[in-house]
Amino acid sequence: MNALSDSLEDPLRPLGVVAGTFLVLAALGTIAGAPWATHATIASAILQLVGAILMIIVGGSLAYLSWTNDE
């Protein structure tokens, strides 16, 4: 079988992929919003960028694990 038909066996797999993809896109939107241009201090902008990067890692991991989990 292919990955799409296998993913329909577990109803939570598509939810995990969608949630992970949403987290990645939301983090990319945060970075595209140029937080360094709107914050008064560079420390708060750096903190927001670190949070966005961590959100990309968590969202990408969630989507990857949901897509490739073959148990």
N, C-alpha and C. Protein backbone atom coordinates (compact mmCIF):
# COMPACT_ATOMS: atom_id res chain seq x y z
N MET A 1 0.82 -1.18 0.00
CA MET A 1 0.00 0.00 0.00
C MET A 1 0.88 1.25 0.00
N ASN A 2 0.25 2.38 -0.20
CA ASN A 2 1.00 3.63 -0.14
C ASN A 2 0.76 4.34 1.19
N ALA A 3 1.50 5.40 1.40
CA ALA A 3 1.45 6.09 2.70
C ALA A 3 0.09 6.72 2.96
N LEU A 4 -0.61 7.17 1.93
CA LEU A 4 -1.90 7.81 2.13
C LEU A 4 -2.96 6.80 2.58
N SER A 5 -3.03 5.67 1.92
CA SER A 5 -4.04 4.69 2.32
C SER A 5 -3.70 4.06 3.66
N ASP A 6 -2.42 3.91 3.97
CA ASP A 6 -2.03 3.39 5.29
C ASP A 6 -2.38 4.38 6.39
N SER A 7 -2.31 5.66 6.10
CA SER A 7 -2.58 6.65 7.14
C SER A 7 -4.05 6.72 7.50
N LEU A 8 -4.91 6.23 6.63
CA LEU A 8 -6.34 6.27 6.92
C LEU A 8 -6.77 5.17 7.87
N GLU A 9 -5.90 4.21 8.16
CA GLU A 9 -6.22 3.15 9.11
C GLU A 9 -6.31 3.71 10.53
N ASP A 10 -5.50 4.68 10.86
CA ASP A 10 -5.51 5.30 12.19
C ASP A 10 -6.11 6.69 12.06
N PRO A 11 -7.24 6.95 12.69
CA PRO A 11 -7.91 8.25 12.50
C PRO A 11 -7.14 9.44 13.07
N LEU A 12 -6.17 9.20 13.96
CA LEU A 12 -5.43 10.32 14.54
C LEU A 12 -4.21 10.71 13.70
N ARG A 13 -3.81 9.88 12.75
CA ARG A 13 -2.65 10.22 11.92
C ARG A 13 -2.85 11.50 11.12
N PRO A 14 -3.95 11.63 10.39
CA PRO A 14 -4.13 12.89 9.65
C PRO A 14 -4.18 14.12 10.55
N LEU A 15 -4.75 13.95 11.75
CA LEU A 15 -4.80 15.06 12.71
C LEU A 15 -3.40 15.47 13.14
N GLY A 16 -2.53 14.50 13.38
CA GLY A 16 -1.15 14.80 13.75
C GLY A 16 -0.40 15.50 12.64
N VAL A 17 -0.61 15.07 11.41
CA VAL A 17 0.06 15.71 10.27
C VAL A 17 -0.44 17.13 10.09
N VAL A 18 -1.75 17.32 10.19
CA VAL A 18 -2.32 18.66 10.02
C VAL A 18 -1.86 19.60 11.15
N ALA A 19 -1.87 19.10 12.38
CA ALA A 19 -1.45 19.93 13.50
C ALA A 19 0.04 20.30 13.39
N GLY A 20 0.87 19.35 13.01
CA GLY A 20 2.29 19.63 12.83
C GLY A 20 2.54 20.64 11.72
N THR A 21 1.82 20.47 10.62
CA THR A 21 1.96 21.41 9.51
C THR A 21 1.50 22.81 9.92
N PHE A 22 0.42 22.88 10.68
CA PHE A 22 -0.06 24.18 11.16
C PHE A 22 0.98 24.85 12.05
N LEU A 23 1.60 24.09 12.94
CA LEU A 23 2.62 24.67 13.81
C LEU A 23 3.79 25.22 13.01
N VAL A 24 4.22 24.48 11.99
CA VAL A 24 5.34 24.95 11.16
C VAL A 24 4.94 26.22 10.42
N LEU A 25 3.74 26.24 9.83
CA LEU A 25 3.31 27.43 9.09
C LEU A 25 3.11 28.63 10.01
N ALA A 26 2.59 28.41 11.21
CA ALA A 26 2.42 29.52 12.16
C ALA A 26 3.77 30.09 12.58
N ALA A 27 4.75 29.21 12.77
CA ALA A 27 6.09 29.68 13.15
C ALA A 27 6.73 30.45 12.00
N LEU A 28 6.55 29.97 10.79
CA LEU A 28 7.10 30.70 9.64
C LEU A 28 6.42 32.06 9.48
N GLY A 29 5.13 32.12 9.78
CA GLY A 29 4.43 33.41 9.77
C GLY A 29 4.95 34.36 10.83
N THR A 30 5.31 33.82 11.98
CA THR A 30 5.89 34.63 13.05
C THR A 30 7.23 35.22 12.61
N ILE A 31 8.04 34.39 11.97
CA ILE A 31 9.34 34.87 11.50
C ILE A 31 9.17 35.86 10.36
N ALA A 32 8.20 35.61 9.48
CA ALA A 32 7.96 36.53 8.36
C ALA A 32 7.43 37.88 8.83
N GLY A 33 6.85 37.91 10.03
CA GLY A 33 6.34 39.15 10.58
C GLY A 33 7.41 40.09 11.07
N ALA A 34 8.67 39.70 10.94
CA ALA A 34 9.82 40.52 11.32
C ALA A 34 9.72 41.04 12.75
N PRO A 35 9.80 40.15 13.75
CA PRO A 35 9.66 40.59 15.13
C PRO A 35 10.75 41.57 15.57
N TRP A 36 11.89 41.56 14.91
CA TRP A 36 12.96 42.49 15.27
C TRP A 36 12.60 43.92 14.90
N ALA A 37 11.61 44.11 14.03
CA ALA A 37 11.21 45.46 13.63
C ALA A 37 10.12 46.04 14.53
N THR A 38 9.47 45.21 15.33
CA THR A 38 8.34 45.69 16.13
C THR A 38 8.59 45.70 17.63
N HIS A 39 9.64 45.03 18.10
CA HIS A 39 9.93 45.00 19.53
C HIS A 39 10.88 46.13 19.92
N ALA A 40 10.71 46.59 21.14
CA ALA A 40 11.54 47.69 21.62
C ALA A 40 12.97 47.25 21.88
N THR A 41 13.14 46.02 22.32
CA THR A 41 14.49 45.53 22.61
C THR A 41 14.79 44.32 21.73
N ILE A 42 16.05 44.14 21.44
CA ILE A 42 16.46 43.01 20.61
C ILE A 42 16.34 41.70 21.37
N ALA A 43 16.42 41.75 22.70
CA ALA A 43 16.30 40.52 23.49
C ALA A 43 14.93 39.88 23.33
N SER A 44 13.88 40.68 23.32
CA SER A 44 12.54 40.12 23.14
C SER A 44 12.35 39.56 21.73
N ALA A 45 12.96 40.19 20.74
CA ALA A 45 12.89 39.67 19.37
C ALA A 45 13.65 38.34 19.25
N ILE A 46 14.79 38.25 19.91
CA ILE A 46 15.57 37.01 19.88
C ILE A 46 14.78 35.90 20.59
N LEU A 47 14.14 36.22 21.70
CA LEU A 47 13.34 35.24 22.42
C LEU A 47 12.18 34.75 21.55
N GLN A 48 11.55 35.64 20.82
CA GLN A 48 10.46 35.25 19.93
C GLN A 48 10.98 34.38 18.79
N LEU A 49 12.13 34.70 18.24
CA LEU A 49 12.71 33.88 17.17
C LEU A 49 13.09 32.49 17.68
N VAL A 50 13.64 32.41 18.87
CA VAL A 50 13.98 31.10 19.44
C VAL A 50 12.71 30.28 19.64
N GLY A 51 11.66 30.91 20.12
CA GLY A 51 10.38 30.20 20.28
C GLY A 51 9.82 29.73 18.95
N ALA A 52 9.94 30.55 17.92
CA ALA A 52 9.45 30.15 16.59
C ALA A 52 10.26 28.99 16.04
N ILE A 53 11.56 29.01 16.24
CA ILE A 53 12.40 27.91 15.76
C ILE A 53 12.07 26.62 16.50
N LEU A 54 11.86 26.71 17.81
CA LEU A 54 11.46 25.53 18.57
C LEU A 54 10.10 25.01 18.12
N MET A 55 9.21 25.93 17.77
CA MET A 55 7.89 25.53 17.28
C MET A 55 8.00 24.82 15.94
N ILE A 56 8.92 25.23 15.09
CA ILE A 56 9.15 24.55 13.82
C ILE A 56 9.66 23.13 14.08
N ILE A 57 10.56 22.99 15.03
CA ILE A 57 11.10 21.67 15.35
C ILE A 57 10.01 20.75 15.90
N VAL A 58 9.20 21.25 16.82
CA VAL A 58 8.13 20.44 17.41
C VAL A 58 7.08 20.09 16.35
N GLY A 59 6.67 21.06 15.56
CA GLY A 59 5.66 20.80 14.53
C GLY A 59 6.15 19.85 13.46
N GLY A 60 7.40 20.03 13.03
CA GLY A 60 7.97 19.13 12.03
C GLY A 60 8.11 17.72 12.57
N SER A 61 8.51 17.61 13.82
CA SER A 61 8.64 16.28 14.44
C SER A 61 7.28 15.61 14.57
N LEU A 62 6.27 16.36 14.97
CA LEU A 62 4.92 15.80 15.10
C LEU A 62 4.40 15.32 13.75
N ALA A 63 4.55 16.13 12.72
CA ALA A 63 4.09 15.73 11.40
C ALA A 63 4.87 14.52 10.89
N TYR A 64 6.18 14.51 11.10
CA TYR A 64 7.00 13.39 10.64
C TYR A 64 6.64 12.10 11.36
N LEU A 65 6.51 12.17 12.68
CA LEU A 65 6.16 10.97 13.45
C LEU A 65 4.75 10.48 13.11
N SER A 66 3.83 11.38 12.89
CA SER A 66 2.48 10.98 12.53
C SER A 66 2.45 10.33 11.15
N TRP A 67 3.23 10.82 10.25
CA TRP A 67 3.23 10.31 8.87
C TRP A 67 3.96 8.97 8.76
N THR A 68 5.06 8.80 9.50
CA THR A 68 5.90 7.62 9.29
C THR A 68 5.72 6.54 10.35
N ASN A 69 4.86 6.74 11.33
CA ASN A 69 4.67 5.74 12.37
C ASN A 69 3.93 4.54 11.77
N ASP A 70 4.59 3.39 11.73
CA ASP A 70 4.00 2.20 11.08
C ASP A 70 3.67 1.09 12.06
N GLU A 71 3.28 1.43 13.25
CA GLU A 71 2.94 0.38 14.23
C GLU A 71 1.56 -0.16 13.98
